[in-house]
Amino acid sequence: MSDRVALSLIGVLSLAVVLVVAALLLGHSPGRGGRADVSALPAVNAWLNGASAVLLTAGWAFVRRRRIAAHRACMLGAFCVSVLFLLSYVTYHALAGSRPFAGQGWARWVYFPILITHVVLAAAMVPFVLTTLYRALGADFARHARLARFTLPVWLYVSVTGVVVYCMLYLWFPGG
């Protein structure tokens, strides 16, 4: 597959993912009536985000030590865990909607900047993660490494802040 075709597919897939998530967060009312219990999914999502952060960190450490097979395994693992997260996240929001933040005072000044940067960067990262993966799988390691220097820290930030958002929403300020 040529770069032009692959990057076009990455662009279309990225746009589709962002539009589905945006529709669920901004314009979707979950249906009423008999539904599966999805109350455990936010905790599952936090664990998946945490696992992604651990795998990303380990993958970075392995590539720094030139342990390429271990790096590849960690990064493919982080990608798979992130895909599972996305599927779980979409399922939860399609069936349960969004939970309002119950914190007051200073907590709101901390929560909303974290949430906003998390959401914006998560959406922006979709094409970067897919392109970085595409370049690695295509053995275009020079371009992979150049892009990964940007992709990795932002992807790690998104993974860690996903856990922080969960903790603030469900553990530290659970009144919602």
C-alpha atoms as a PDB file:
ATOM      1  CA  MET A   1       0.000   0.000   0.000  1.00  0.00           C
ATOM      2  CA  SER A   2       1.345   3.418  -0.875  1.00  0.00           C
ATOM      3  CA  ASP A   3       1.847   6.117   1.747  1.00  0.00           C
ATOM      4  CA  ARG A   4      -0.788   8.243   0.058  1.00  0.00           C
ATOM      5  CA  VAL A   5      -3.461   5.531   0.365  1.00  0.00           C
ATOM      6  CA  ALA A   6      -2.431   4.549   3.896  1.00  0.00           C
ATOM      7  CA  LEU A   7      -2.390   8.127   5.153  1.00  0.00           C
ATOM      8  CA  SER A   8      -5.756   8.789   3.505  1.00  0.00           C
ATOM      9  CA  LEU A   9      -7.211   5.746   5.276  1.00  0.00           C
ATOM     10  CA  ILE A  10      -5.665   6.895   8.554  1.00  0.00           C
ATOM     11  CA  GLY A  11      -7.252  10.322   8.040  1.00  0.00           C
ATOM     12  CA  VAL A  12     -10.704   8.872   7.321  1.00  0.00           C
ATOM     13  CA  LEU A  13     -10.513   6.453  10.269  1.00  0.00           C
ATOM     14  CA  SER A  14      -9.292   9.220  12.591  1.00  0.00           C
ATOM     15  CA  LEU A  15     -12.098  11.532  11.535  1.00  0.00           C
ATOM     16  CA  ALA A  16     -14.672   8.766  12.029  1.00  0.00           C
ATOM     17  CA  VAL A  17     -13.405   8.001  15.541  1.00  0.00           C
ATOM     18  CA  VAL A  18     -13.401  11.670  16.542  1.00  0.00           C
ATOM     19  CA  LEU A  19     -16.893  12.260  15.111  1.00  0.00           C
ATOM     20  CA  VAL A  20     -18.390   9.214  16.869  1.00  0.00           C
ATOM     21  CA  VAL A  21     -16.892  10.219  20.219  1.00  0.00           C
ATOM     22  CA  ALA A  22     -17.933  13.864  19.737  1.00  0.00           C
ATOM     23  CA  ALA A  23     -21.493  12.829  18.891  1.00  0.00           C
ATOM     24  CA  LEU A  24     -21.665  10.672  22.011  1.00  0.00           C
ATOM     25  CA  LEU A  25     -20.312  13.410  24.255  1.00  0.00           C
ATOM     26  CA  LEU A  26     -22.077  16.419  22.779  1.00  0.00           C
ATOM     27  CA  GLY A  27     -25.288  15.372  21.116  1.00  0.00           C
ATOM     28  CA  HIS A  28     -26.324  11.969  22.391  1.00  0.00           C
ATOM     29  CA  SER A  29     -28.985  11.066  24.908  1.00  0.00           C
ATOM     30  CA  PRO A  30     -28.679   7.468  26.037  1.00  0.00           C
ATOM     31  CA  GLY A  31     -31.770   5.365  25.380  1.00  0.00           C
ATOM     32  CA  ARG A  32     -34.223   4.393  28.084  1.00  0.00           C
ATOM     33  CA  GLY A  33     -35.452   0.946  29.019  1.00  0.00           C
ATOM     34  CA  GLY A  34     -33.671  -2.379  29.312  1.00  0.00           C
ATOM     35  CA  ARG A  35     -29.924  -1.998  28.916  1.00  0.00           C
ATOM     36  CA  ALA A  36     -26.886  -3.888  29.972  1.00  0.00           C
ATOM     37  CA  ASP A  37     -25.313  -2.718  33.214  1.00  0.00           C
ATOM     38  CA  VAL A  38     -22.270  -0.708  32.168  1.00  0.00           C
ATOM     39  CA  SER A  39     -21.489   0.783  35.574  1.00  0.00           C
ATOM     40  CA  ALA A  40     -18.164  -1.082  35.776  1.00  0.00           C
ATOM     41  CA  LEU A  41     -16.862   0.331  32.489  1.00  0.00           C
ATOM     42  CA  PRO A  42     -15.453   3.621  33.855  1.00  0.00           C
ATOM     43  CA  ALA A  43     -13.194   1.622  36.204  1.00  0.00           C
ATOM     44  CA  VAL A  44     -12.263  -0.719  33.344  1.00  0.00           C
ATOM     45  CA  ASN A  45     -11.443   2.337  31.226  1.00  0.00           C
ATOM     46  CA  ALA A  46      -9.195   3.731  33.966  1.00  0.00           C
ATOM     47  CA  TRP A  47      -7.357   0.401  34.221  1.00  0.00           C
ATOM     48  CA  LEU A  48      -6.940   0.294  30.439  1.00  0.00           C
ATOM     49  CA  ASN A  49      -5.558   3.853  30.442  1.00  0.00           C
ATOM     50  CA  GLY A  50      -3.195   2.931  33.273  1.00  0.00           C
ATOM     51  CA  ALA A  51      -2.060  -0.185  31.422  1.00  0.00           C
ATOM     52  CA  SER A  52      -1.443   1.921  28.326  1.00  0.00           C
ATOM     53  CA  ALA A  53       0.710   4.336  30.350  1.00  0.00           C
ATOM     54  CA  VAL A  54       2.738   1.464  31.812  1.00  0.00           C
ATOM     55  CA  LEU A  55       3.228  -0.162  28.398  1.00  0.00           C
ATOM     56  CA  LEU A  56       4.196   3.147  26.786  1.00  0.00           C
ATOM     57  CA  THR A  57       6.749   3.846  29.513  1.00  0.00           C
ATOM     58  CA  ALA A  58       8.186   0.325  29.295  1.00  0.00           C
ATOM     59  CA  GLY A  59       8.292   0.549  25.489  1.00  0.00           C
ATOM     60  CA  TRP A  60      10.206   3.817  25.699  1.00  0.00           C
ATOM     61  CA  ALA A  61      12.656   2.307  28.206  1.00  0.00           C
ATOM     62  CA  PHE A  62      13.170  -0.732  25.974  1.00  0.00           C
ATOM     63  CA  VAL A  63      13.885   1.293  22.842  1.00  0.00           C
ATOM     64  CA  ARG A  64      16.375   3.423  24.791  1.00  0.00           C
ATOM     65  CA  ARG A  65      18.185   0.175  25.653  1.00  0.00           C
ATOM     66  CA  ARG A  66      17.920  -0.994  22.020  1.00  0.00           C
ATOM     67  CA  ARG A  67      15.686  -3.928  23.006  1.00  0.00           C
ATOM     68  CA  ILE A  68      13.605  -3.582  19.864  1.00  0.00           C
ATOM     69  CA  ALA A  69      11.502  -6.764  20.185  1.00  0.00           C
ATOM     70  CA  ALA A  70      10.441  -5.810  23.720  1.00  0.00           C
ATOM     71  CA  HIS A  71       9.767  -2.228  22.553  1.00  0.00           C
ATOM     72  CA  ARG A  72       7.604  -3.524  19.690  1.00  0.00           C
ATOM     73  CA  ALA A  73       5.655  -5.812  22.047  1.00  0.00           C
ATOM     74  CA  CYS A  74       5.001  -2.998  24.524  1.00  0.00           C
ATOM     75  CA  MET A  75       3.938  -0.511  21.886  1.00  0.00           C
ATOM     76  CA  LEU A  76       1.640  -2.983  20.131  1.00  0.00           C
ATOM     77  CA  GLY A  77       0.256  -3.826  23.568  1.00  0.00           C
ATOM     78  CA  ALA A  78      -0.334  -0.129  24.296  1.00  0.00           C
ATOM     79  CA  PHE A  79      -2.103   0.234  20.960  1.00  0.00           C
ATOM     80  CA  CYS A  80      -4.318  -2.810  21.608  1.00  0.00           C
ATOM     81  CA  VAL A  81      -5.151  -1.650  25.131  1.00  0.00           C
ATOM     82  CA  SER A  82      -6.010   1.794  23.731  1.00  0.00           C
ATOM     83  CA  VAL A  83      -8.317   0.246  21.127  1.00  0.00           C
ATOM     84  CA  LEU A  84     -10.028  -1.761  23.886  1.00  0.00           C
ATOM     85  CA  PHE A  85     -10.343   1.462  25.873  1.00  0.00           C
ATOM     86  CA  LEU A  86     -11.962   3.230  22.916  1.00  0.00           C
ATOM     87  CA  LEU A  87     -14.469   0.400  22.409  1.00  0.00           C
ATOM     88  CA  SER A  88     -15.326   0.345  26.117  1.00  0.00           C
ATOM     89  CA  TYR A  89     -15.532   4.152  26.273  1.00  0.00           C
ATOM     90  CA  VAL A  90     -17.891   4.339  23.286  1.00  0.00           C
ATOM     91  CA  THR A  91     -20.036   1.539  24.718  1.00  0.00           C
ATOM     92  CA  TYR A  92     -20.303   3.257  28.090  1.00  0.00           C
ATOM     93  CA  HIS A  93     -21.180   6.674  26.684  1.00  0.00           C
ATOM     94  CA  ALA A  94     -23.643   5.210  24.163  1.00  0.00           C
ATOM     95  CA  LEU A  95     -25.530   3.394  26.925  1.00  0.00           C
ATOM     96  CA  ALA A  96     -25.031   5.578  30.007  1.00  0.00           C
ATOM     97  CA  GLY A  97     -24.180   9.064  28.763  1.00  0.00           C
ATOM     98  CA  SER A  98     -21.792  11.354  30.599  1.00  0.00           C
ATOM     99  CA  ARG A  99     -21.441  11.887  34.310  1.00  0.00           C
ATOM    100  CA  PRO A 100     -21.359  15.480  35.592  1.00  0.00           C
ATOM    101  CA  PHE A 101     -18.449  16.542  37.759  1.00  0.00           C
ATOM    102  CA  ALA A 102     -19.594  17.008  41.381  1.00  0.00           C
ATOM    103  CA  GLY A 103     -16.517  18.725  42.772  1.00  0.00           C
ATOM    104  CA  GLN A 104     -16.751  22.341  43.901  1.00  0.00           C
ATOM    105  CA  GLY A 105     -14.370  25.247  44.380  1.00  0.00           C
ATOM    106  CA  TRP A 106     -10.697  24.601  43.628  1.00  0.00           C
ATOM    107  CA  ALA A 107     -11.485  21.076  42.366  1.00  0.00           C
ATOM    108  CA  ARG A 108     -13.311  22.513  39.346  1.00  0.00           C
ATOM    109  CA  TRP A 109     -10.287  24.701  38.538  1.00  0.00           C
ATOM    110  CA  VAL A 110      -8.132  21.565  38.512  1.00  0.00           C
ATOM    111  CA  TYR A 111     -10.579  19.120  36.891  1.00  0.00           C
ATOM    112  CA  PHE A 112     -11.752  21.056  33.846  1.00  0.00           C
ATOM    113  CA  PRO A 113      -8.313  22.058  32.474  1.00  0.00           C
ATOM    114  CA  ILE A 114      -7.190  18.434  32.865  1.00  0.00           C
ATOM    115  CA  LEU A 115     -10.383  17.157  31.213  1.00  0.00           C
ATOM    116  CA  ILE A 116     -10.237  19.641  28.339  1.00  0.00           C
ATOM    117  CA  THR A 117      -6.572  18.995  27.528  1.00  0.00           C
ATOM    118  CA  HIS A 118      -7.180  15.240  27.859  1.00  0.00           C
ATOM    119  CA  VAL A 119     -10.123  15.266  25.430  1.00  0.00           C
ATOM    120  CA  VAL A 120      -8.553  17.615  22.885  1.00  0.00           C
ATOM    121  CA  LEU A 121      -5.216  15.787  22.855  1.00  0.00           C
ATOM    122  CA  ALA A 122      -6.893  12.360  22.754  1.00  0.00           C
ATOM    123  CA  ALA A 123      -8.796  13.402  19.635  1.00  0.00           C
ATOM    124  CA  ALA A 124      -5.723  14.979  18.063  1.00  0.00           C
ATOM    125  CA  MET A 125      -3.573  11.924  18.789  1.00  0.00           C
ATOM    126  CA  VAL A 126      -5.613   9.405  16.788  1.00  0.00           C
ATOM    127  CA  PRO A 127      -3.933  10.116  13.419  1.00  0.00           C
ATOM    128  CA  PHE A 128      -0.507  10.495  15.034  1.00  0.00           C
ATOM    129  CA  VAL A 129      -0.709   7.142  16.817  1.00  0.00           C
ATOM    130  CA  LEU A 130      -1.969   5.405  13.677  1.00  0.00           C
ATOM    131  CA  THR A 131       0.713   7.022  11.491  1.00  0.00           C
ATOM    132  CA  THR A 132       3.473   6.206  13.979  1.00  0.00           C
ATOM    133  CA  LEU A 133       2.298   2.591  14.056  1.00  0.00           C
ATOM    134  CA  TYR A 134       2.016   2.469  10.263  1.00  0.00           C
ATOM    135  CA  ARG A 135       5.579   3.730   9.841  1.00  0.00           C
ATOM    136  CA  ALA A 136       6.930   1.201  12.343  1.00  0.00           C
ATOM    137  CA  LEU A 137       5.080  -1.721  10.763  1.00  0.00           C
ATOM    138  CA  GLY A 138       6.288  -0.556   7.340  1.00  0.00           C
ATOM    139  CA  ALA A 139       9.903  -0.540   8.614  1.00  0.00           C
ATOM    140  CA  ASP A 140      10.226   3.190   7.950  1.00  0.00           C
ATOM    141  CA  PHE A 141      12.111   3.550  11.216  1.00  0.00           C
ATOM    142  CA  ALA A 142      13.667   6.973  10.639  1.00  0.00           C
ATOM    143  CA  ARG A 143      10.275   8.618  10.050  1.00  0.00           C
ATOM    144  CA  HIS A 144       8.723   6.458  12.778  1.00  0.00           C
ATOM    145  CA  ALA A 145      11.269   7.681  15.333  1.00  0.00           C
ATOM    146  CA  ARG A 146      10.846  11.345  14.339  1.00  0.00           C
ATOM    147  CA  LEU A 147       7.079  11.147  14.778  1.00  0.00           C
ATOM    148  CA  ALA A 148       7.260   8.965  17.898  1.00  0.00           C
ATOM    149  CA  ARG A 149       9.273  11.665  19.697  1.00  0.00           C
ATOM    150  CA  PHE A 150       6.105  13.768  19.556  1.00  0.00           C
ATOM    151  CA  THR A 151       3.491  11.016  19.733  1.00  0.00           C
ATOM    152  CA  LEU A 152       4.821   9.190  22.801  1.00  0.00           C
ATOM    153  CA  PRO A 153       4.768  12.008  25.380  1.00  0.00           C
ATOM    154  CA  VAL A 154       1.328  13.228  24.291  1.00  0.00           C
ATOM    155  CA  TRP A 155      -0.093   9.683  24.213  1.00  0.00           C
ATOM    156  CA  LEU A 156       1.386   9.117  27.676  1.00  0.00           C
ATOM    157  CA  TYR A 157      -0.174  12.377  28.915  1.00  0.00           C
ATOM    158  CA  VAL A 158      -3.570  11.309  27.560  1.00  0.00           C
ATOM    159  CA  SER A 159      -3.272   7.898  29.233  1.00  0.00           C
ATOM    160  CA  VAL A 160      -2.264   9.325  32.622  1.00  0.00           C
ATOM    161  CA  THR A 161      -4.824  12.120  32.584  1.00  0.00           C
ATOM    162  CA  GLY A 162      -7.489   9.560  31.707  1.00  0.00           C
ATOM    163  CA  VAL A 163      -6.780   7.882  35.044  1.00  0.00           C
ATOM    164  CA  VAL A 164      -6.762  11.255  36.828  1.00  0.00           C
ATOM    165  CA  VAL A 165     -10.121  12.226  35.283  1.00  0.00           C
ATOM    166  CA  TYR A 166     -11.600   8.888  36.410  1.00  0.00           C
ATOM    167  CA  CYS A 167     -10.280   9.338  39.954  1.00  0.00           C
ATOM    168  CA  MET A 168     -11.628  12.869  40.204  1.00  0.00           C
ATOM    169  CA  LEU A 169     -15.012  11.920  38.748  1.00  0.00           C
ATOM    170  CA  TYR A 170     -15.649   8.602  40.506  1.00  0.00           C
ATOM    171  CA  LEU A 171     -13.371   8.379  43.571  1.00  0.00           C
ATOM    172  CA  TRP A 172     -12.406  11.783  44.910  1.00  0.00           C
ATOM    173  CA  PHE A 173     -15.583  13.769  44.084  1.00  0.00           C
ATOM    174  CA  PRO A 174     -18.225  11.071  43.444  1.00  0.00           C
ATOM    175  CA  GLY A 175     -21.386  13.068  44.156  1.00  0.00           C
ATOM    176  CA  GLY A 176     -22.513  13.067  40.496  1.00  0.00           C
END
